[in-house]
Amino acid sequence: MGFENKADAQEMLFALKTRLTGFGLTLHEDKTRLIEFGRFAALSRQRRGERRPETFAFLGFTHYCGRTRDGGFIVKHKTEGKRLTRKLTALRHEAWRLMHAPLPRSTSGSPLCCVDTTATTAGRTIIQRSTASTAKCVGPGCAV
């Protein structure tokens, strides 16, 4: 939730905690916090000698304050670091697993790294004279 005044935000947080307590629920303390975020957050933090405004993670993205090309305020987002790391690790493990797997064969028995150079026109097969065989190797280590 976004609020213009810090007092409004604190009042709403207290009311939300009270309301949830009535149902036997609580807010997660590590995930619930008040941050200074918005159009004037960077300027006010700079005046106080602090770094840029805080970020927050929501729905798999890290949201942060940014500027448009003409200098206006915009909320920017990028993929959350933990999610990106998890996906890249999974891709690395899959590539490692497939690195030494044999190449799949086509239905004709030739490796899929080879390109068939025969041309079919109106149901008739025409073999091009420029190649000695009907398959031309295009991959490294292809033995046709």
Protein backbone atom coordinates (compact mmCIF):
# COMPACT_ATOMS: atom_id res chain seq x y z
CA MET A 1 0.00 0.00 0.00
CA GLY A 2 1.24 3.48 -0.72
CA PHE A 3 0.75 6.49 1.53
CA GLU A 4 1.76 10.10 1.21
CA ASN A 5 2.36 10.65 4.93
CA LYS A 6 4.35 8.44 7.29
CA ALA A 7 1.71 8.91 10.03
CA ASP A 8 -1.01 7.53 7.72
CA ALA A 9 1.12 4.50 6.90
CA GLN A 10 1.84 3.77 10.58
CA GLU A 11 -1.84 4.13 11.46
CA MET A 12 -2.86 1.73 8.67
CA LEU A 13 -0.21 -0.81 9.69
CA PHE A 14 -1.48 -0.75 13.28
CA ALA A 15 -5.11 -1.10 12.11
CA LEU A 16 -4.18 -4.01 9.83
CA LYS A 17 -2.36 -5.84 12.65
CA THR A 18 -5.36 -5.30 14.94
CA ARG A 19 -7.81 -6.53 12.30
CA LEU A 20 -5.78 -9.67 11.54
CA THR A 21 -5.36 -10.44 15.25
CA GLY A 22 -9.16 -10.63 15.50
CA PHE A 23 -9.04 -13.58 13.06
CA GLY A 24 -6.07 -15.23 14.78
CA LEU A 25 -3.62 -14.17 12.04
CA THR A 26 -0.37 -12.18 12.16
CA LEU A 27 1.82 -10.32 9.69
CA HIS A 28 5.24 -11.79 8.92
CA GLU A 29 7.67 -9.37 10.58
CA ASP A 30 10.48 -9.95 8.04
CA LYS A 31 8.18 -9.27 5.09
CA THR A 32 6.21 -6.33 6.49
CA ARG A 33 7.98 -3.00 6.72
CA LEU A 34 7.52 0.68 6.05
CA ILE A 35 9.84 2.06 3.38
CA GLU A 36 10.29 5.50 1.89
CA PHE A 37 9.44 5.08 -1.77
CA GLY A 38 8.16 7.34 -4.48
CA ARG A 39 8.72 10.55 -6.40
CA PHE A 40 10.36 12.55 -3.64
CA ALA A 41 12.05 9.69 -1.76
CA ALA A 42 15.38 10.05 -3.58
CA LEU A 43 15.55 13.81 -2.98
CA SER A 44 14.68 13.61 0.70
CA ARG A 45 17.13 10.76 1.30
CA GLN A 46 19.86 12.66 -0.54
CA ARG A 47 19.28 15.71 1.66
CA ARG A 48 19.72 13.53 4.74
CA GLY A 49 22.94 12.04 3.32
CA GLU A 50 21.49 8.57 2.78
CA ARG A 51 21.75 6.36 -0.27
CA ARG A 52 19.01 5.80 -2.87
CA PRO A 53 15.51 4.68 -1.82
CA GLU A 54 14.92 1.13 -0.63
CA THR A 55 13.58 -1.58 -2.90
CA PHE A 56 10.93 -4.20 -2.30
CA ALA A 57 10.21 -7.63 -3.75
CA PHE A 58 6.70 -8.42 -4.95
CA LEU A 59 5.43 -11.17 -7.28
CA GLY A 60 8.93 -12.28 -8.28
CA PHE A 61 10.21 -8.81 -9.17
CA THR A 62 12.35 -6.31 -7.31
CA HIS A 63 10.74 -2.87 -7.58
CA TYR A 64 12.86 0.28 -7.33
CA CYS A 65 12.67 4.00 -8.01
CA GLY A 66 13.90 5.19 -11.38
CA ARG A 67 13.77 8.08 -13.82
CA THR A 68 12.43 8.26 -17.35
CA ARG A 69 14.50 9.72 -20.17
CA ASP A 70 12.98 13.14 -19.62
CA GLY A 71 13.61 13.03 -15.85
CA GLY A 72 10.18 11.96 -14.57
CA PHE A 73 9.62 9.41 -11.83
CA ILE A 74 8.93 5.77 -12.74
CA VAL A 75 8.72 2.54 -10.76
CA LYS A 76 11.16 0.15 -12.39
CA HIS A 77 11.33 -3.57 -11.83
CA LYS A 78 13.73 -6.39 -12.53
CA THR A 79 13.63 -10.13 -11.90
CA GLU A 80 14.21 -10.98 -8.27
CA GLY A 81 17.80 -12.07 -7.70
CA LYS A 82 16.98 -15.35 -5.94
CA ARG A 83 14.58 -16.39 -8.70
CA LEU A 84 17.07 -15.56 -11.46
CA THR A 85 19.87 -17.45 -9.70
CA ARG A 86 17.63 -20.49 -9.21
CA LYS A 87 16.67 -20.58 -12.91
CA LEU A 88 20.24 -20.10 -14.16
CA THR A 89 21.46 -22.89 -11.87
CA ALA A 90 18.75 -25.23 -13.20
CA LEU A 91 19.71 -24.38 -16.80
CA ARG A 92 23.39 -24.98 -16.04
CA HIS A 93 22.65 -28.41 -14.53
CA GLU A 94 20.47 -29.37 -17.52
CA ALA A 95 23.19 -28.30 -19.99
CA TRP A 96 25.76 -30.29 -18.00
CA ARG A 97 23.49 -33.35 -18.06
CA LEU A 98 22.94 -33.14 -21.82
CA MET A 99 26.55 -32.28 -22.72
CA HIS A 100 27.64 -35.86 -23.42
CA ALA A 101 24.27 -37.27 -24.47
CA PRO A 102 24.30 -38.88 -27.92
CA LEU A 103 22.74 -36.93 -30.76
CA PRO A 104 19.21 -38.07 -31.58
CA ARG A 105 18.73 -39.94 -34.88
CA SER A 106 16.10 -39.14 -37.48
CA THR A 107 13.70 -41.75 -38.84
CA SER A 108 16.03 -42.43 -41.80
CA GLY A 109 18.91 -43.28 -39.46
CA SER A 110 21.11 -40.28 -40.22
CA PRO A 111 22.09 -37.94 -37.38
CA LEU A 112 20.03 -34.80 -37.08
CA CYS A 113 23.15 -32.68 -37.59
CA CYS A 114 23.03 -33.52 -41.28
CA VAL A 115 20.95 -31.65 -43.82
CA ASP A 116 19.16 -33.57 -46.55
CA THR A 117 20.09 -32.00 -49.90
CA THR A 118 17.52 -33.80 -52.02
CA ALA A 119 14.73 -31.69 -53.45
CA THR A 120 11.18 -32.95 -53.89
CA THR A 121 9.18 -31.41 -56.71
CA ALA A 122 5.65 -32.53 -57.58
CA GLY A 123 6.13 -35.87 -55.85
CA ARG A 124 9.41 -36.70 -57.67
CA THR A 125 12.76 -36.71 -55.89
CA ILE A 126 15.54 -34.85 -57.71
CA ILE A 127 19.05 -35.44 -56.42
CA GLN A 128 21.31 -32.45 -56.88
CA ARG A 129 24.43 -33.25 -58.91
CA SER A 130 26.70 -31.05 -56.77
CA THR A 131 26.75 -33.51 -53.88
CA ALA A 132 28.02 -37.05 -53.96
CA SER A 133 25.48 -38.26 -51.40
CA THR A 134 22.01 -37.16 -50.43
CA ALA A 135 23.17 -35.81 -47.06
CA LYS A 136 25.60 -32.98 -46.48
CA CYS A 137 27.33 -32.81 -43.12
CA VAL A 138 27.08 -29.45 -41.39
CA GLY A 139 28.02 -30.32 -37.81
CA PRO A 140 31.42 -31.06 -36.26
CA GLY A 141 32.27 -34.75 -36.12
CA CYS A 142 29.49 -35.76 -38.49
CA ALA A 143 30.39 -39.01 -40.28
CA VAL A 144 28.07 -39.46 -43.24
